[in-house]
């Protein structure tokens, strides 16, 4: 085996061991998590949006002290992002995983005998792969919640018509509906049981799930509790509105399907063609890296690729 390859593999293993060693050495338990939960659940003070984000940050950083914890604290919305994605991985472990996948991407690029300028690209792609997975997990969770919301509102409306209170209706949704909507409504039910006003508990859920239809529901509950009215009828109308919007959204997706497929093909074709030509004739492709005009062409091509992706997304992404 090539001695340079052995050195690179050994360096990769050493870097991964160092990252994990530093992470586990600096991690520790903190009482701030317990204090935050007690302060939120006892209802001694109504938490604002910033306080909710801060509490989520303390919960996500319960094992991230020292170096990684200091880095994460600079990104205040990162713990909320993990909470919205219902990530099974803690933030500090996730960052170490990203470092490992980034080093692995760079090593695979070297093993594949790619040009030297592509090594940072491979490292960036490896580092970004876990983030893409987390973003997709968050997006799919929001989509499932949105699809379940109309059924949850119907269920709450029937519970209210049968004589249950609003809190009991929340408990019915938490008990009968699948995740993720059952998890979020269970959190709201537990918070109001422990003393937080139900309007504030619903606003907390709106911070965790930024959804327009959910905002209609939260606003309707807040107005109804102040001015009165038939909440069951209001929930029925909101549920009908959500279902009609989904029908229109389905029609829009069907009409824009061709544009989305065309965008995917146009974005992937240059990249696939580049690697194909490099595999068939590496010397021909290396001219793009060895000459100044070639590097300028690559920069312009990347810029135009990003610009085209944004333009296609703006065309096919129709808000309903």
Foldseek 3Di string as FASTA:
>chain_A
DDPVLVVLVVVLVVVLVVLVVVLQVFWDADCVLVVLVCCQQLCPDQDDLLSLLVSLLCVLCRGGGDPRNVVVVVVSCVSLLCLLLVDPDRPSVLQSQLQSQLSVQLSVCVVVVHDPVCSNVSSVCRSCVVVVVSVVSNVVQLVVLLVCLLVLLLQLLVCVVVPDDSLVSLVCCLVPPDPDSNVLSVQLSSSVVSPHPSLSSLVSSCSSRVDPLSVQLSVLVVCCVVPNDNNSVVSNVSSVVSVVVVVVVVVLCVVCVVLVVVLVCVLVVVVVVLVVCCVVPVVVSCVLVPDPVSVVVVVVVVVVSVVSSVVSCVVSVDDD
